[in-house]
Full PDB file with SEQRES, HELIX, SHEET, SSBOND, CRYST1, ORIGX, SCALE, CONECT and MASTER records, all heavy atoms in Angstrom:
SEQRES   1 A   37  LEU SER CYS ALA ALA SER GLY ILE ILE PHE SER ILE THR          
SEQRES   2 A   37  ASP MET GLY TRP TYR ARG GLN ALA PRO GLY LYS GLN ARG          
SEQRES   3 A   37  GLU LEU VAL ALA GLY ILE SER SER GLY GLY ARG                  
HELIX    1 AA1 PHE A   10  ILE A   12  5                                   3    
SHEET    1 AA1 2 MET A  15  ARG A  19  0                                        
SHEET    2 AA1 2 GLU A  27  ILE A  32 -1                                        
CRYST1    1.000    1.000    1.000  90.00  90.00  90.00 P 1           1          
ORIGX1      1.000000  0.000000  0.000000        0.00000                         
ORIGX2      0.000000  1.000000  0.000000        0.00000                         
ORIGX3      0.000000  0.000000  1.000000        0.00000                         
SCALE1      1.000000  0.000000  0.000000        0.00000                         
SCALE2      0.000000  1.000000  0.000000        0.00000                         
SCALE3      0.000000  0.000000  1.000000        0.00000                         
ATOM      1  N   LEU A   1     107.849  81.883  95.607  1.00  0.00           N  
ATOM      2  CA  LEU A   1     106.379  81.577  95.810  1.00  0.00           C  
ATOM      3  C   LEU A   1     105.598  82.232  94.751  1.00  0.00           C  
ATOM      4  O   LEU A   1     105.901  83.380  94.332  1.00  0.00           O  
ATOM      5  CB  LEU A   1     105.898  81.999  97.168  1.00  0.00           C  
ATOM      6  CG  LEU A   1     106.688  81.487  98.385  1.00  0.00           C  
ATOM      7  CD1 LEU A   1     105.982  81.921  99.682  1.00  0.00           C  
ATOM      8  CD2 LEU A   1     106.791  79.978  98.331  1.00  0.00           C  
ATOM      9  N   SER A   2     104.506  81.576  94.327  1.00  0.00           N  
ATOM     10  CA  SER A   2     103.575  82.138  93.354  1.00  0.00           C  
ATOM     11  C   SER A   2     102.150  82.051  93.956  1.00  0.00           C  
ATOM     12  O   SER A   2     101.842  81.190  94.737  1.00  0.00           O  
ATOM     13  CB  SER A   2     103.569  81.393  92.051  1.00  0.00           C  
ATOM     14  OG  SER A   2     104.832  81.476  91.440  1.00  0.00           O  
ATOM     15  N   CYS A   3     101.335  83.038  93.535  1.00  0.00           N  
ATOM     16  CA  CYS A   3      99.899  83.028  93.938  1.00  0.00           C  
ATOM     17  C   CYS A   3      99.152  83.343  92.726  1.00  0.00           C  
ATOM     18  O   CYS A   3      99.148  84.466  92.222  1.00  0.00           O  
ATOM     19  CB  CYS A   3      99.657  84.014  95.064  1.00  0.00           C  
ATOM     20  SG  CYS A   3      97.907  84.293  95.464  1.00  0.00           S  
ATOM     21  N   ALA A   4      98.379  82.318  92.175  1.00  0.00           N  
ATOM     22  CA  ALA A   4      97.546  82.516  91.037  1.00  0.00           C  
ATOM     23  C   ALA A   4      96.141  82.929  91.505  1.00  0.00           C  
ATOM     24  O   ALA A   4      95.525  82.243  92.288  1.00  0.00           O  
ATOM     25  CB  ALA A   4      97.509  81.247  90.269  1.00  0.00           C  
ATOM     26  N   ALA A   5      95.666  84.047  90.966  1.00  0.00           N  
ATOM     27  CA  ALA A   5      94.378  84.598  91.379  1.00  0.00           C  
ATOM     28  C   ALA A   5      93.342  84.474  90.288  1.00  0.00           C  
ATOM     29  O   ALA A   5      93.619  84.656  89.113  1.00  0.00           O  
ATOM     30  CB  ALA A   5      94.569  86.070  91.759  1.00  0.00           C  
ATOM     31  N   SER A   6      92.154  84.158  90.713  1.00  0.00           N  
ATOM     32  CA  SER A   6      91.036  84.194  89.766  1.00  0.00           C  
ATOM     33  C   SER A   6      89.788  84.696  90.528  1.00  0.00           C  
ATOM     34  O   SER A   6      89.732  84.652  91.731  1.00  0.00           O  
ATOM     35  CB  SER A   6      90.753  82.783  89.208  1.00  0.00           C  
ATOM     36  OG  SER A   6      90.497  81.868  90.219  1.00  0.00           O  
ATOM     37  N   GLY A   7      88.854  85.214  89.769  1.00  0.00           N  
ATOM     38  CA  GLY A   7      87.592  85.732  90.356  1.00  0.00           C  
ATOM     39  C   GLY A   7      87.718  87.110  90.911  1.00  0.00           C  
ATOM     40  O   GLY A   7      86.763  87.579  91.561  1.00  0.00           O  
ATOM     41  N   ILE A   8      88.880  87.769  90.762  1.00  0.00           N  
ATOM     42  CA  ILE A   8      89.020  89.142  91.135  1.00  0.00           C  
ATOM     43  C   ILE A   8      89.601  89.930  89.935  1.00  0.00           C  
ATOM     44  O   ILE A   8      90.163  89.346  89.011  1.00  0.00           O  
ATOM     45  CB  ILE A   8      89.967  89.328  92.356  1.00  0.00           C  
ATOM     46  CG1 ILE A   8      91.356  88.776  92.043  1.00  0.00           C  
ATOM     47  CG2 ILE A   8      89.360  88.681  93.561  1.00  0.00           C  
ATOM     48  CD1 ILE A   8      92.359  89.016  93.159  1.00  0.00           C  
ATOM     49  N   ILE A   9      89.467  91.271  89.994  1.00  0.00           N  
ATOM     50  CA  ILE A   9      90.105  92.074  88.997  1.00  0.00           C  
ATOM     51  C   ILE A   9      91.481  92.382  89.557  1.00  0.00           C  
ATOM     52  O   ILE A   9      91.691  93.356  90.275  1.00  0.00           O  
ATOM     53  CB  ILE A   9      89.294  93.441  88.740  1.00  0.00           C  
ATOM     54  CG1 ILE A   9      87.857  93.055  88.406  1.00  0.00           C  
ATOM     55  CG2 ILE A   9      89.945  94.142  87.627  1.00  0.00           C  
ATOM     56  CD1 ILE A   9      86.984  94.272  88.280  1.00  0.00           C  
ATOM     57  N   PHE A  10      92.420  91.497  89.176  1.00  0.00           N  
ATOM     58  CA  PHE A  10      93.705  91.510  89.829  1.00  0.00           C  
ATOM     59  C   PHE A  10      94.450  92.791  89.679  1.00  0.00           C  
ATOM     60  O   PHE A  10      95.065  93.232  90.656  1.00  0.00           O  
ATOM     61  CB  PHE A  10      94.546  90.357  89.184  1.00  0.00           C  
ATOM     62  CG  PHE A  10      95.918  90.106  89.818  1.00  0.00           C  
ATOM     63  CD1 PHE A  10      95.970  89.408  91.063  1.00  0.00           C  
ATOM     64  CD2 PHE A  10      97.008  90.614  89.275  1.00  0.00           C  
ATOM     65  CE1 PHE A  10      97.202  89.178  91.625  1.00  0.00           C  
ATOM     66  CE2 PHE A  10      98.282  90.428  89.863  1.00  0.00           C  
ATOM     67  CZ  PHE A  10      98.313  89.687  91.009  1.00  0.00           C  
ATOM     68  N   SER A  11      94.355  93.419  88.542  1.00  0.00           N  
ATOM     69  CA  SER A  11      95.174  94.656  88.289  1.00  0.00           C  
ATOM     70  C   SER A  11      94.846  95.776  89.227  1.00  0.00           C  
ATOM     71  O   SER A  11      95.671  96.697  89.388  1.00  0.00           O  
ATOM     72  CB  SER A  11      95.029  95.033  86.847  1.00  0.00           C  
ATOM     73  OG  SER A  11      93.684  95.370  86.559  1.00  0.00           O  
ATOM     74  N   ILE A  12      93.667  95.835  89.767  1.00  0.00           N  
ATOM     75  CA  ILE A  12      93.273  96.925  90.651  1.00  0.00           C  
ATOM     76  C   ILE A  12      93.143  96.495  92.142  1.00  0.00           C  
ATOM     77  O   ILE A  12      92.505  97.194  92.901  1.00  0.00           O  
ATOM     78  CB  ILE A  12      91.944  97.638  90.194  1.00  0.00           C  
ATOM     79  CG1 ILE A  12      90.772  96.643  90.159  1.00  0.00           C  
ATOM     80  CG2 ILE A  12      92.151  98.257  88.772  1.00  0.00           C  
ATOM     81  CD1 ILE A  12      89.470  97.305  89.837  1.00  0.00           C  
ATOM     82  N   THR A  13      93.729  95.363  92.418  1.00  0.00           N  
ATOM     83  CA  THR A  13      93.622  94.821  93.769  1.00  0.00           C  
ATOM     84  C   THR A  13      94.950  94.899  94.447  1.00  0.00           C  
ATOM     85  O   THR A  13      95.954  94.490  93.902  1.00  0.00           O  
ATOM     86  CB  THR A  13      93.107  93.358  93.679  1.00  0.00           C  
ATOM     87  OG1 THR A  13      91.839  93.320  93.053  1.00  0.00           O  
ATOM     88  CG2 THR A  13      92.998  92.747  95.092  1.00  0.00           C  
ATOM     89  N   ASP A  14      94.978  95.350  95.721  1.00  0.00           N  
ATOM     90  CA  ASP A  14      96.183  95.231  96.500  1.00  0.00           C  
ATOM     91  C   ASP A  14      96.416  93.782  96.922  1.00  0.00           C  
ATOM     92  O   ASP A  14      95.461  93.126  97.259  1.00  0.00           O  
ATOM     93  CB  ASP A  14      96.048  96.167  97.747  1.00  0.00           C  
ATOM     94  CG  ASP A  14      95.916  97.617  97.404  1.00  0.00           C  
ATOM     95  OD1 ASP A  14      96.356  98.019  96.350  1.00  0.00           O  
ATOM     96  OD2 ASP A  14      95.309  98.353  98.254  1.00  0.00           O  
ATOM     97  N   MET A  15      97.676  93.393  97.011  1.00  0.00           N  
ATOM     98  CA  MET A  15      98.017  92.050  97.292  1.00  0.00           C  
ATOM     99  C   MET A  15      99.093  91.997  98.403  1.00  0.00           C  
ATOM    100  O   MET A  15      99.855  92.923  98.587  1.00  0.00           O  
ATOM    101  CB  MET A  15      98.492  91.349  96.053  1.00  0.00           C  
ATOM    102  CG  MET A  15      97.582  91.276  94.890  1.00  0.00           C  
ATOM    103  SD  MET A  15      96.104  90.302  95.224  1.00  0.00           S  
ATOM    104  CE  MET A  15      96.784  88.659  95.461  1.00  0.00           C  
ATOM    105  N   GLY A  16      99.139  90.867  99.086  1.00  0.00           N  
ATOM    106  CA  GLY A  16     100.130  90.722 100.119  1.00  0.00           C  
ATOM    107  C   GLY A  16     100.494  89.262 100.380  1.00  0.00           C  
ATOM    108  O   GLY A  16      99.703  88.359 100.088  1.00  0.00           O  
ATOM    109  N   TRP A  17     101.677  89.072 100.967  1.00  0.00           N  
ATOM    110  CA  TRP A  17     102.153  87.803 101.440  1.00  0.00           C  
ATOM    111  C   TRP A  17     102.172  87.891 102.958  1.00  0.00           C  
ATOM    112  O   TRP A  17     102.764  88.828 103.502  1.00  0.00           O  
ATOM    113  CB  TRP A  17     103.516  87.420 100.919  1.00  0.00           C  
ATOM    114  CG  TRP A  17     103.494  86.956  99.487  1.00  0.00           C  
ATOM    115  CD1 TRP A  17     103.844  87.759  98.387  1.00  0.00           C  
ATOM    116  CD2 TRP A  17     103.123  85.687  98.943  1.00  0.00           C  
ATOM    117  NE1 TRP A  17     103.751  87.019  97.231  1.00  0.00           N  
ATOM    118  CE2 TRP A  17     103.293  85.739  97.536  1.00  0.00           C  
ATOM    119  CE3 TRP A  17     102.682  84.482  99.536  1.00  0.00           C  
ATOM    120  CZ2 TRP A  17     103.002  84.639  96.744  1.00  0.00           C  
ATOM    121  CZ3 TRP A  17     102.408  83.438  98.702  1.00  0.00           C  
ATOM    122  CH2 TRP A  17     102.548  83.559  97.312  1.00  0.00           C  
ATOM    123  N   TYR A  18     101.627  86.915 103.624  1.00  0.00           N  
ATOM    124  CA  TYR A  18     101.662  86.798 105.046  1.00  0.00           C  
ATOM    125  C   TYR A  18     102.263  85.414 105.392  1.00  0.00           C  
ATOM    126  O   TYR A  18     102.317  84.537 104.571  1.00  0.00           O  
ATOM    127  CB  TYR A  18     100.217  86.835 105.629  1.00  0.00           C  
ATOM    128  CG  TYR A  18      99.547  88.247 105.561  1.00  0.00           C  
ATOM    129  CD1 TYR A  18      99.174  88.704 104.289  1.00  0.00           C  
ATOM    130  CD2 TYR A  18      99.372  89.015 106.659  1.00  0.00           C  
ATOM    131  CE1 TYR A  18      98.583  89.996 104.176  1.00  0.00           C  
ATOM    132  CE2 TYR A  18      98.741  90.227 106.609  1.00  0.00           C  
ATOM    133  CZ  TYR A  18      98.333  90.696 105.324  1.00  0.00           C  
ATOM    134  OH  TYR A  18      97.734  91.945 105.260  1.00  0.00           O  
ATOM    135  N   ARG A  19     102.672  85.321 106.668  1.00  0.00           N  
ATOM    136  CA  ARG A  19     103.184  84.028 107.080  1.00  0.00           C  
ATOM    137  C   ARG A  19     102.722  83.831 108.530  1.00  0.00           C  
ATOM    138  O   ARG A  19     102.554  84.743 109.329  1.00  0.00           O  
ATOM    139  CB  ARG A  19     104.726  83.904 106.965  1.00  0.00           C  
ATOM    140  CG  ARG A  19     105.502  84.828 107.877  1.00  0.00           C  
ATOM    141  CD  ARG A  19     106.976  84.772 107.483  1.00  0.00           C  
ATOM    142  NE  ARG A  19     107.768  85.688 108.322  1.00  0.00           N  
ATOM    143  CZ  ARG A  19     109.080  85.899 108.135  1.00  0.00           C  
ATOM    144  NH1 ARG A  19     109.754  85.304 107.177  1.00  0.00           N  
ATOM    145  NH2 ARG A  19     109.731  86.719 108.942  1.00  0.00           N  
ATOM    146  N   GLN A  20     102.690  82.490 108.854  1.00  0.00           N  
ATOM    147  CA  GLN A  20     102.369  82.145 110.228  1.00  0.00           C  
ATOM    148  C   GLN A  20     103.197  80.960 110.637  1.00  0.00           C  
ATOM    149  O   GLN A  20     103.132  79.865 110.071  1.00  0.00           O  
ATOM    150  CB  GLN A  20     100.864  81.796 110.366  1.00  0.00           C  
ATOM    151  CG  GLN A  20     100.435  81.553 111.801  1.00  0.00           C  
ATOM    152  CD  GLN A  20      98.894  81.593 111.964  1.00  0.00           C  
ATOM    153  OE1 GLN A  20      98.172  81.408 111.032  1.00  0.00           O  
ATOM    154  NE2 GLN A  20      98.440  81.819 113.195  1.00  0.00           N  
ATOM    155  N   ALA A  21     104.032  81.199 111.646  1.00  0.00           N  
ATOM    156  CA  ALA A  21     104.894  80.120 112.238  1.00  0.00           C  
ATOM    157  C   ALA A  21     104.136  79.478 113.376  1.00  0.00           C  
ATOM    158  O   ALA A  21     103.228  80.085 113.957  1.00  0.00           O  
ATOM    159  CB  ALA A  21     106.184  80.729 112.718  1.00  0.00           C  
ATOM    160  N   PRO A  22     104.454  78.186 113.675  1.00  0.00           N  
ATOM    161  CA  PRO A  22     103.765  77.522 114.764  1.00  0.00           C  
ATOM    162  C   PRO A  22     103.856  78.318 116.091  1.00  0.00           C  
ATOM    163  O   PRO A  22     104.892  78.800 116.433  1.00  0.00           O  
ATOM    164  CB  PRO A  22     104.565  76.193 114.874  1.00  0.00           C  
ATOM    165  CG  PRO A  22     105.150  76.004 113.533  1.00  0.00           C  
ATOM    166  CD  PRO A  22     105.444  77.342 113.038  1.00  0.00           C  
ATOM    167  N   GLY A  23     102.697  78.523 116.690  1.00  0.00           N  
ATOM    168  CA  GLY A  23     102.618  79.217 117.972  1.00  0.00           C  
ATOM    169  C   GLY A  23     102.709  80.722 117.895  1.00  0.00           C  
ATOM    170  O   GLY A  23     102.739  81.358 118.883  1.00  0.00           O  
ATOM    171  N   LYS A  24     102.681  81.218 116.659  1.00  0.00           N  
ATOM    172  CA  LYS A  24     102.818  82.664 116.469  1.00  0.00           C  
ATOM    173  C   LYS A  24     101.641  83.233 115.663  1.00  0.00           C  
ATOM    174  O   LYS A  24     100.931  82.443 114.968  1.00  0.00           O  
ATOM    175  CB  LYS A  24     104.175  83.017 115.767  1.00  0.00           C  
ATOM    176  CG  LYS A  24     105.386  82.724 116.540  1.00  0.00           C  
ATOM    177  CD  LYS A  24     106.631  83.249 115.927  1.00  0.00           C  
ATOM    178  CE  LYS A  24     107.855  82.997 116.735  1.00  0.00           C  
ATOM    179  NZ  LYS A  24     109.108  83.530 116.097  1.00  0.00           N  
ATOM    180  N   GLN A  25     101.465  84.552 115.770  1.00  0.00           N  
ATOM    181  CA  GLN A  25     100.427  85.142 115.031  1.00  0.00           C  
ATOM    182  C   GLN A  25     100.800  85.311 113.564  1.00  0.00           C  
ATOM    183  O   GLN A  25     102.003  85.446 113.221  1.00  0.00           O  
ATOM    184  CB  GLN A  25     100.103  86.521 115.602  1.00  0.00           C  
ATOM    185  CG  GLN A  25      99.379  86.473 116.955  1.00  0.00           C  
ATOM    186  CD  GLN A  25      98.877  87.821 117.414  1.00  0.00           C  
ATOM    187  OE1 GLN A  25      99.481  88.869 117.152  1.00  0.00           O  
ATOM    188  NE2 GLN A  25      97.755  87.881 118.105  1.00  0.00           N  
ATOM    189  N   ARG A  26      99.837  85.358 112.698  1.00  0.00           N  
ATOM    190  CA  ARG A  26     100.049  85.606 111.252  1.00  0.00           C  
ATOM    191  C   ARG A  26     100.582  87.070 111.133  1.00  0.00           C  
ATOM    192  O   ARG A  26     100.056  88.014 111.763  1.00  0.00           O  
ATOM    193  CB  ARG A  26      98.817  85.417 110.460  1.00  0.00           C  
ATOM    194  CG  ARG A  26      99.010  85.353 108.999  1.00  0.00           C  
ATOM    195  CD  ARG A  26      97.727  84.999 108.252  1.00  0.00           C  
ATOM    196  NE  ARG A  26      97.275  83.696 108.601  1.00  0.00           N  
ATOM    197  CZ  ARG A  26      96.273  83.039 107.986  1.00  0.00           C  
ATOM    198  NH1 ARG A  26      95.663  83.650 106.967  1.00  0.00           N  
ATOM    199  NH2 ARG A  26      95.901  81.827 108.348  1.00  0.00           N  
ATOM    200  N   GLU A  27     101.638  87.252 110.350  1.00  0.00           N  
ATOM    201  CA  GLU A  27     102.166  88.550 110.134  1.00  0.00           C  
ATOM    202  C   GLU A  27     102.315  88.817 108.645  1.00  0.00           C  
ATOM    203  O   GLU A  27     102.539  87.988 107.804  1.00  0.00           O  
ATOM    204  CB  GLU A  27     103.575  88.674 110.796  1.00  0.00           C  
ATOM    205  CG  GLU A  27     104.652  87.777 110.169  1.00  0.00           C  
ATOM    206  CD  GLU A  27     106.050  88.118 110.671  1.00  0.00           C  
ATOM    207  OE1 GLU A  27     106.245  89.126 111.357  1.00  0.00           O  
ATOM    208  OE2 GLU A  27     107.011  87.327 110.350  1.00  0.00           O  
ATOM    209  N   LEU A  28     102.204  90.144 108.345  1.00  0.00           N  
ATOM    210  CA  LEU A  28     102.466  90.635 106.991  1.00  0.00           C  
ATOM    211  C   LEU A  28     103.961  90.556 106.685  1.00  0.00           C  
ATOM    212  O   LEU A  28     104.778  91.041 107.437  1.00  0.00           O  
ATOM    213  CB  LEU A  28     101.993  92.068 106.811  1.00  0.00           C  
ATOM    214  CG  LEU A  28     102.301  92.699 105.469  1.00  0.00           C  
ATOM    215  CD1 LEU A  28     101.533  92.049 104.351  1.00  0.00           C  
ATOM    216  CD2 LEU A  28     101.945  94.212 105.578  1.00  0.00           C  
ATOM    217  N   VAL A  29     104.274  89.905 105.570  1.00  0.00           N  
ATOM    218  CA  VAL A  29     105.680  89.784 105.125  1.00  0.00           C  
ATOM    219  C   VAL A  29     106.008  90.875 104.137  1.00  0.00           C  
ATOM    220  O   VAL A  29     106.966  91.632 104.231  1.00  0.00           O  
ATOM    221  CB  VAL A  29     105.948  88.419 104.541  1.00  0.00           C  
ATOM    222  CG1 VAL A  29     107.419  88.370 103.987  1.00  0.00           C  
ATOM    223  CG2 VAL A  29     105.716  87.335 105.544  1.00  0.00           C  
ATOM    224  N   ALA A  30     105.118  91.032 103.176  1.00  0.00           N  
ATOM    225  CA  ALA A  30     105.345  92.004 102.089  1.00  0.00           C  
ATOM    226  C   ALA A  30     103.976  92.310 101.415  1.00  0.00           C  
ATOM    227  O   ALA A  30     103.143  91.465 101.317  1.00  0.00           O  
ATOM    228  CB  ALA A  30     106.302  91.529 101.031  1.00  0.00           C  
ATOM    229  N   GLY A  31     103.853  93.541 101.021  1.00  0.00           N  
ATOM    230  CA  GLY A  31     102.637  93.970 100.336  1.00  0.00           C  
ATOM    231  C   GLY A  31     102.968  94.739  99.051  1.00  0.00           C  
ATOM    232  O   GLY A  31     104.031  95.317  99.004  1.00  0.00           O  
ATOM    233  N   ILE A  32     102.071  94.673  98.097  1.00  0.00           N  
ATOM    234  CA  ILE A  32     102.241  95.454  96.857  1.00  0.00           C  
ATOM    235  C   ILE A  32     100.867  96.017  96.473  1.00  0.00           C  
ATOM    236  O   ILE A  32      99.864  95.319  96.412  1.00  0.00           O  
ATOM    237  CB  ILE A  32     102.869  94.586  95.780  1.00  0.00           C  
ATOM    238  CG1 ILE A  32     103.106  95.442  94.521  1.00  0.00           C  
ATOM    239  CG2 ILE A  32     101.948  93.356  95.441  1.00  0.00           C  
ATOM    240  CD1 ILE A  32     104.027  94.742  93.507  1.00  0.00           C  
ATOM    241  N   SER A  33     100.815  97.312  96.234  1.00  0.00           N  
ATOM    242  CA  SER A  33      99.591  97.929  95.885  1.00  0.00           C  
ATOM    243  C   SER A  33      99.219  97.663  94.422  1.00  0.00           C  
ATOM    244  O   SER A  33     100.098  97.198  93.668  1.00  0.00           O  
ATOM    245  CB  SER A  33      99.641  99.426  96.161  1.00  0.00           C  
ATOM    246  OG  SER A  33     100.471 100.059  95.258  1.00  0.00           O  
ATOM    247  N   SER A  34      98.025  98.080  94.060  1.00  0.00           N  
ATOM    248  CA  SER A  34      97.695  97.937  92.669  1.00  0.00           C  
ATOM    249  C   SER A  34      98.586  98.796  91.731  1.00  0.00           C  
ATOM    250  O   SER A  34      98.775  98.456  90.548  1.00  0.00           O  
ATOM    251  CB  SER A  34      96.203  98.301  92.441  1.00  0.00           C  
ATOM    252  OG  SER A  34      95.967  99.607  92.935  1.00  0.00           O  
ATOM    253  N   GLY A  35      99.103  99.808  92.337  1.00  0.00           N  
ATOM    254  CA  GLY A  35      99.997 100.716  91.581  1.00  0.00           C  
ATOM    255  C   GLY A  35     101.438 100.270  91.624  1.00  0.00           C  
ATOM    256  O   GLY A  35     102.338 100.950  91.003  1.00  0.00           O  
ATOM    257  N   GLY A  36     101.772  99.188  92.331  1.00  0.00           N  
ATOM    258  CA  GLY A  36     103.124  98.715  92.392  1.00  0.00           C  
ATOM    259  C   GLY A  36     103.943  99.120  93.540  1.00  0.00           C  
ATOM    260  O   GLY A  36     105.128  98.782  93.640  1.00  0.00           O  
ATOM    261  N   ARG A  37     103.371  99.890  94.478  1.00  0.00           N  
ATOM    262  CA  ARG A  37     104.150 100.300  95.620  1.00  0.00           C  
ATOM    263  C   ARG A  37     104.325  99.129  96.551  1.00  0.00           C  
ATOM    264  O   ARG A  37     103.352  98.421  96.837  1.00  0.00           O  
ATOM    265  CB  ARG A  37     103.456 101.479  96.329  1.00  0.00           C  
ATOM    266  CG  ARG A  37     104.174 102.088  97.511  1.00  0.00           C  
ATOM    267  CD  ARG A  37     103.597 103.383  97.904  1.00  0.00           C  
ATOM    268  NE  ARG A  37     102.136 103.281  98.151  1.00  0.00           N  
ATOM    269  CZ  ARG A  37     101.331 104.261  98.280  1.00  0.00           C  
ATOM    270  NH1 ARG A  37     101.822 105.525  98.212  1.00  0.00           N  
ATOM    271  NH2 ARG A  37     100.079 104.076  98.538  1.00  0.00           N  
TER     272      ARG A  37                                                      
MASTER        0    0    0    1    2    0    0    6  271    1    0    3          
END                                                                             
């Protein structure tokens, strides 16, 4: 998966992937900080 970002200062922004299955709550799958953690 790819996520192309615009309108933000991407390099200093924390980012994450979430998912939502039918009938379930949205959950955090993976996160990455601006520093790469």
